[in-house]
Amino acid sequence: MADLFTWVPVNDGTGQVPFRQRKVRFGDGYSQVTTDGLNPIQRSWPLTFTGTGSVISAIAAFLEDHAAEPFEWKPPLRASVSLFLANGYSLRDLGGDVWSLSATFEEWHSP
């Protein structure tokens, strides 16, 4: 069972929900569309977390521990958790032991 990411971002981000589609257009104006693959929807969420150095260090450690292992997270407007991966993060020192961490969570589909 995957670990649960429990920190709350300062923003809910702007979720991206692309559809992988295969399209074929014919000369007479007719076209066909179908989804591509077993999981044609892969949501992603750019998120920002702000807090003290110890809070941001804990988030960074969690993400580093899960660099190649998906974790559970409940995105906005979803009833349950899904699996996600972050492909890195960026840090910003806001001064006075206040830090900002930004990361994009990308949905992960497992077999």
N, C-alpha and C. Protein backbone atom coordinates (compact mmCIF):
# COMPACT_ATOMS: atom_id res chain seq x y z
N MET A 1 0.84 -1.18 0.00
CA MET A 1 0.00 0.00 0.00
C MET A 1 0.88 1.24 0.00
N ALA A 2 0.51 2.21 -0.80
CA ALA A 2 1.29 3.44 -0.93
C ALA A 2 1.08 4.34 0.28
N ASP A 3 2.11 5.16 0.56
CA ASP A 3 2.02 6.14 1.64
C ASP A 3 1.09 7.27 1.22
N LEU A 4 0.46 7.89 2.21
CA LEU A 4 -0.48 8.98 1.96
C LEU A 4 0.22 10.33 2.17
N PHE A 5 0.12 11.20 1.18
CA PHE A 5 0.63 12.56 1.27
C PHE A 5 -0.45 13.40 1.95
N THR A 6 -0.15 13.98 3.13
CA THR A 6 -1.18 14.63 3.93
C THR A 6 -1.07 16.15 4.02
N TRP A 7 0.01 16.74 3.52
CA TRP A 7 0.17 18.19 3.62
C TRP A 7 -0.82 18.90 2.71
N VAL A 8 -1.24 20.08 3.12
CA VAL A 8 -2.23 20.85 2.37
C VAL A 8 -1.52 22.00 1.66
N PRO A 9 -1.71 22.12 0.35
CA PRO A 9 -1.07 23.21 -0.38
C PRO A 9 -1.72 24.55 -0.07
N VAL A 10 -0.98 25.64 -0.31
CA VAL A 10 -1.55 26.97 -0.11
C VAL A 10 -2.49 27.32 -1.26
N ASN A 11 -2.38 26.60 -2.34
CA ASN A 11 -3.31 26.76 -3.46
C ASN A 11 -3.74 25.38 -3.90
N ASP A 12 -4.86 25.30 -4.54
CA ASP A 12 -5.29 24.02 -5.08
C ASP A 12 -4.73 23.79 -6.47
N GLY A 13 -3.94 24.72 -6.94
CA GLY A 13 -3.35 24.57 -8.26
C GLY A 13 -4.39 24.67 -9.35
N THR A 14 -3.92 24.55 -10.53
CA THR A 14 -4.77 24.51 -11.70
C THR A 14 -4.58 23.15 -12.33
N GLY A 15 -5.49 22.26 -12.07
CA GLY A 15 -5.35 20.90 -12.56
C GLY A 15 -5.42 20.82 -14.07
N GLN A 16 -4.58 19.99 -14.62
CA GLN A 16 -4.58 19.71 -16.05
C GLN A 16 -5.14 18.31 -16.24
N VAL A 17 -6.08 18.15 -17.15
CA VAL A 17 -6.70 16.86 -17.40
C VAL A 17 -6.70 16.62 -18.91
N PRO A 18 -5.54 16.22 -19.46
CA PRO A 18 -5.49 15.97 -20.90
C PRO A 18 -6.09 14.60 -21.24
N PHE A 19 -6.66 14.50 -22.43
CA PHE A 19 -7.17 13.23 -22.93
C PHE A 19 -6.24 12.76 -24.05
N ARG A 20 -5.74 11.53 -23.92
CA ARG A 20 -4.97 10.94 -25.02
C ARG A 20 -5.96 10.33 -25.99
N GLN A 21 -5.95 10.85 -27.20
CA GLN A 21 -6.92 10.40 -28.20
C GLN A 21 -6.22 10.05 -29.50
N ARG A 22 -6.81 9.12 -30.20
CA ARG A 22 -6.39 8.81 -31.56
C ARG A 22 -7.49 9.32 -32.48
N LYS A 23 -7.09 10.12 -33.47
CA LYS A 23 -8.06 10.70 -34.39
C LYS A 23 -7.69 10.33 -35.82
N VAL A 24 -8.69 9.98 -36.57
CA VAL A 24 -8.51 9.70 -37.98
C VAL A 24 -9.51 10.55 -38.74
N ARG A 25 -9.01 11.32 -39.68
CA ARG A 25 -9.87 12.16 -40.49
C ARG A 25 -9.86 11.60 -41.92
N PHE A 26 -11.03 11.53 -42.47
CA PHE A 26 -11.17 11.02 -43.82
C PHE A 26 -11.43 12.17 -44.79
N GLY A 27 -11.20 11.92 -46.05
CA GLY A 27 -11.31 12.96 -47.07
C GLY A 27 -12.68 13.57 -47.22
N ASP A 28 -13.72 12.87 -46.82
CA ASP A 28 -15.07 13.39 -46.99
C ASP A 28 -15.56 14.21 -45.80
N GLY A 29 -14.64 14.54 -44.88
CA GLY A 29 -14.99 15.33 -43.70
C GLY A 29 -15.36 14.49 -42.49
N TYR A 30 -15.51 13.19 -42.70
CA TYR A 30 -15.84 12.29 -41.61
C TYR A 30 -14.58 12.02 -40.78
N SER A 31 -14.76 11.87 -39.47
CA SER A 31 -13.61 11.54 -38.62
C SER A 31 -14.05 10.57 -37.53
N GLN A 32 -13.09 9.83 -37.00
CA GLN A 32 -13.32 8.92 -35.89
C GLN A 32 -12.34 9.27 -34.78
N VAL A 33 -12.80 9.16 -33.52
CA VAL A 33 -11.96 9.44 -32.36
C VAL A 33 -12.12 8.29 -31.38
N THR A 34 -11.01 7.85 -30.81
CA THR A 34 -11.03 6.84 -29.76
C THR A 34 -9.97 7.20 -28.73
N THR A 35 -10.10 6.69 -27.54
CA THR A 35 -9.09 6.94 -26.52
C THR A 35 -7.86 6.09 -26.82
N ASP A 36 -6.72 6.54 -26.33
CA ASP A 36 -5.45 5.87 -26.57
C ASP A 36 -4.96 5.21 -25.29
N GLY A 37 -4.99 3.89 -25.24
CA GLY A 37 -4.47 3.16 -24.10
C GLY A 37 -5.51 2.86 -23.05
N LEU A 38 -5.08 2.12 -22.03
CA LEU A 38 -5.98 1.72 -20.95
C LEU A 38 -6.33 2.87 -20.02
N ASN A 39 -5.43 3.82 -19.87
CA ASN A 39 -5.64 4.97 -18.99
C ASN A 39 -5.40 6.25 -19.79
N PRO A 40 -6.37 6.66 -20.57
CA PRO A 40 -6.17 7.80 -21.46
C PRO A 40 -6.21 9.17 -20.77
N ILE A 41 -6.53 9.18 -19.48
CA ILE A 41 -6.58 10.45 -18.73
C ILE A 41 -5.51 10.42 -17.65
N GLN A 42 -4.63 11.41 -17.67
CA GLN A 42 -3.59 11.50 -16.66
C GLN A 42 -3.60 12.92 -16.11
N ARG A 43 -4.18 13.06 -14.92
CA ARG A 43 -4.31 14.37 -14.30
C ARG A 43 -2.97 14.83 -13.72
N SER A 44 -2.77 16.13 -13.71
CA SER A 44 -1.59 16.69 -13.06
C SER A 44 -1.99 17.97 -12.33
N TRP A 45 -1.30 18.21 -11.22
CA TRP A 45 -1.61 19.35 -10.36
C TRP A 45 -0.32 20.07 -9.96
N PRO A 46 -0.10 21.30 -10.44
CA PRO A 46 1.01 22.10 -9.93
C PRO A 46 0.60 22.70 -8.58
N LEU A 47 1.36 22.37 -7.54
CA LEU A 47 0.99 22.77 -6.17
C LEU A 47 2.12 23.54 -5.51
N THR A 48 1.75 24.39 -4.55
CA THR A 48 2.72 25.15 -3.77
C THR A 48 2.40 24.98 -2.29
N PHE A 49 3.44 24.73 -1.51
CA PHE A 49 3.32 24.58 -0.06
C PHE A 49 4.20 25.63 0.58
N THR A 50 3.71 26.28 1.62
CA THR A 50 4.47 27.30 2.34
C THR A 50 4.45 26.95 3.81
N GLY A 51 5.61 27.10 4.46
CA GLY A 51 5.68 26.82 5.89
C GLY A 51 7.08 27.06 6.43
N THR A 52 7.26 26.68 7.66
CA THR A 52 8.57 26.82 8.29
C THR A 52 9.55 25.84 7.64
N GLY A 53 10.79 26.05 7.92
CA GLY A 53 11.82 25.17 7.38
C GLY A 53 11.60 23.71 7.73
N SER A 54 11.14 23.42 8.94
CA SER A 54 10.93 22.02 9.34
C SER A 54 9.76 21.39 8.59
N VAL A 55 8.70 22.15 8.34
CA VAL A 55 7.55 21.61 7.59
C VAL A 55 7.95 21.35 6.14
N ILE A 56 8.60 22.32 5.53
CA ILE A 56 9.00 22.17 4.13
C ILE A 56 10.06 21.07 3.98
N SER A 57 10.93 20.94 4.96
CA SER A 57 11.92 19.85 4.93
C SER A 57 11.24 18.50 4.98
N ALA A 58 10.17 18.38 5.77
CA ALA A 58 9.43 17.12 5.84
C ALA A 58 8.76 16.79 4.51
N ILE A 59 8.19 17.80 3.86
CA ILE A 59 7.58 17.58 2.54
C ILE A 59 8.64 17.17 1.54
N ALA A 60 9.77 17.87 1.53
CA ALA A 60 10.86 17.55 0.61
C ALA A 60 11.36 16.13 0.84
N ALA A 61 11.51 15.74 2.09
CA ALA A 61 11.97 14.38 2.41
C ALA A 61 10.97 13.34 1.90
N PHE A 62 9.68 13.60 2.09
CA PHE A 62 8.65 12.68 1.60
C PHE A 62 8.77 12.53 0.08
N LEU A 63 8.86 13.65 -0.63
CA LEU A 63 8.95 13.60 -2.09
C LEU A 63 10.22 12.89 -2.55
N GLU A 64 11.33 13.13 -1.86
CA GLU A 64 12.58 12.45 -2.22
C GLU A 64 12.49 10.95 -1.95
N ASP A 65 11.84 10.57 -0.85
CA ASP A 65 11.65 9.14 -0.55
C ASP A 65 10.74 8.47 -1.58
N HIS A 66 9.93 9.26 -2.26
CA HIS A 66 8.99 8.72 -3.25
C HIS A 66 9.35 9.17 -4.66
N ALA A 67 10.64 9.34 -4.90
CA ALA A 67 11.09 9.78 -6.22
C ALA A 67 10.72 8.78 -7.31
N ALA A 68 10.69 7.50 -6.98
CA ALA A 68 10.35 6.46 -7.96
C ALA A 68 9.24 5.55 -7.44
N GLU A 69 8.54 6.00 -6.42
CA GLU A 69 7.48 5.20 -5.82
C GLU A 69 6.23 6.08 -5.68
N PRO A 70 5.13 5.70 -6.30
CA PRO A 70 3.94 6.53 -6.21
C PRO A 70 3.40 6.63 -4.78
N PHE A 71 2.72 7.72 -4.51
CA PHE A 71 2.10 7.94 -3.20
C PHE A 71 0.63 8.28 -3.42
N GLU A 72 -0.16 8.15 -2.36
CA GLU A 72 -1.57 8.48 -2.43
C GLU A 72 -1.78 9.94 -2.08
N TRP A 73 -2.68 10.58 -2.81
CA TRP A 73 -3.05 11.97 -2.55
C TRP A 73 -4.47 12.17 -3.05
N LYS A 74 -5.25 12.97 -2.33
CA LYS A 74 -6.63 13.24 -2.74
C LYS A 74 -6.68 14.59 -3.43
N PRO A 75 -6.82 14.59 -4.75
CA PRO A 75 -6.91 15.85 -5.47
C PRO A 75 -8.27 16.52 -5.27
N PRO A 76 -8.33 17.82 -5.53
CA PRO A 76 -9.61 18.53 -5.41
C PRO A 76 -10.68 17.90 -6.31
N LEU A 77 -11.91 17.94 -5.84
CA LEU A 77 -13.09 17.45 -6.55
C LEU A 77 -13.12 15.94 -6.75
N ARG A 78 -12.26 15.22 -6.08
CA ARG A 78 -12.27 13.76 -6.17
C ARG A 78 -12.76 13.21 -4.85
N ALA A 79 -13.51 12.13 -4.90
CA ALA A 79 -14.08 11.53 -3.69
C ALA A 79 -13.06 10.68 -2.94
N SER A 80 -12.05 10.21 -3.65
CA SER A 80 -11.08 9.32 -3.00
C SER A 80 -9.67 9.65 -3.47
N VAL A 81 -8.70 9.01 -2.82
CA VAL A 81 -7.30 9.23 -3.17
C VAL A 81 -6.97 8.51 -4.48
N SER A 82 -5.93 8.98 -5.13
CA SER A 82 -5.38 8.36 -6.32
C SER A 82 -3.88 8.29 -6.13
N LEU A 83 -3.21 7.54 -7.00
CA LEU A 83 -1.75 7.46 -6.96
C LEU A 83 -1.14 8.58 -7.78
N PHE A 84 -0.08 9.19 -7.23
CA PHE A 84 0.62 10.28 -7.90
C PHE A 84 2.12 10.13 -7.75
N LEU A 85 2.86 10.77 -8.64
CA LEU A 85 4.31 10.92 -8.55
C LEU A 85 4.64 12.39 -8.75
N ALA A 86 5.69 12.85 -8.11
CA ALA A 86 6.22 14.19 -8.38
C ALA A 86 7.56 13.99 -9.07
N ASN A 87 7.81 14.73 -10.13
CA ASN A 87 9.08 14.55 -10.83
C ASN A 87 10.09 15.62 -10.43
N GLY A 88 10.08 15.97 -9.15
CA GLY A 88 11.01 16.95 -8.62
C GLY A 88 10.24 18.07 -7.92
N TYR A 89 10.98 19.03 -7.40
CA TYR A 89 10.36 20.17 -6.72
C TYR A 89 11.32 21.34 -6.76
N SER A 90 10.80 22.53 -6.46
CA SER A 90 11.66 23.70 -6.35
C SER A 90 11.38 24.36 -5.00
N LEU A 91 12.43 24.95 -4.45
CA LEU A 91 12.36 25.62 -3.14
C LEU A 91 12.59 27.11 -3.30
N ARG A 92 11.94 27.87 -2.43
CA ARG A 92 12.15 29.32 -2.42
C ARG A 92 12.19 29.79 -0.98
N ASP A 93 13.24 30.49 -0.62
CA ASP A 93 13.39 31.07 0.72
C ASP A 93 12.63 32.38 0.77
N LEU A 94 11.60 32.44 1.60
CA LEU A 94 10.79 33.66 1.73
C LEU A 94 11.26 34.54 2.87
N GLY A 95 12.30 34.11 3.57
CA GLY A 95 12.87 34.88 4.67
C GLY A 95 12.25 34.54 6.01
N GLY A 96 13.04 34.67 7.07
CA GLY A 96 12.55 34.44 8.42
C GLY A 96 12.10 33.01 8.67
N ASP A 97 12.80 32.05 8.15
CA ASP A 97 12.48 30.62 8.27
C ASP A 97 11.12 30.27 7.67
N VAL A 98 10.71 31.01 6.66
CA VAL A 98 9.51 30.67 5.89
C VAL A 98 9.97 30.27 4.50
N TRP A 99 9.49 29.12 4.06
CA TRP A 99 9.92 28.55 2.78
C TRP A 99 8.71 28.21 1.94
N SER A 100 8.94 28.13 0.65
CA SER A 100 7.92 27.72 -0.29
C SER A 100 8.47 26.56 -1.11
N LEU A 101 7.67 25.53 -1.29
CA LEU A 101 8.04 24.38 -2.11
C LEU A 101 6.98 24.21 -3.18
N SER A 102 7.41 24.11 -4.43
CA SER A 102 6.49 23.90 -5.55
C SER A 102 6.80 22.57 -6.22
N ALA A 103 5.76 21.83 -6.54
CA ALA A 103 5.91 20.54 -7.21
C ALA A 103 4.66 20.28 -8.04
N THR A 104 4.82 19.49 -9.07
CA THR A 104 3.68 19.05 -9.87
C THR A 104 3.44 17.58 -9.61
N PHE A 105 2.24 17.27 -9.16
CA PHE A 105 1.86 15.89 -8.92
C PHE A 105 1.19 15.36 -10.19
N GLU A 106 1.73 14.26 -10.70
CA GLU A 106 1.18 13.65 -11.91
C GLU A 106 0.56 12.30 -11.55
N GLU A 107 -0.64 12.08 -12.02
CA GLU A 107 -1.35 10.84 -11.71
C GLU A 107 -0.59 9.64 -12.24
N TRP A 108 -0.59 8.58 -11.46
CA TRP A 108 0.13 7.35 -11.77
C TRP A 108 -0.87 6.22 -11.86
N HIS A 109 -0.78 5.46 -12.93
CA HIS A 109 -1.66 4.30 -13.10
C HIS A 109 -0.81 3.04 -12.97
N SER A 110 -1.22 2.15 -12.10
CA SER A 110 -0.46 0.91 -11.91
C SER A 110 -1.28 -0.25 -12.47
N PRO A 111 -0.57 -1.30 -12.90
CA PRO A 111 -1.29 -2.46 -13.47
C PRO A 111 -2.10 -3.21 -12.43
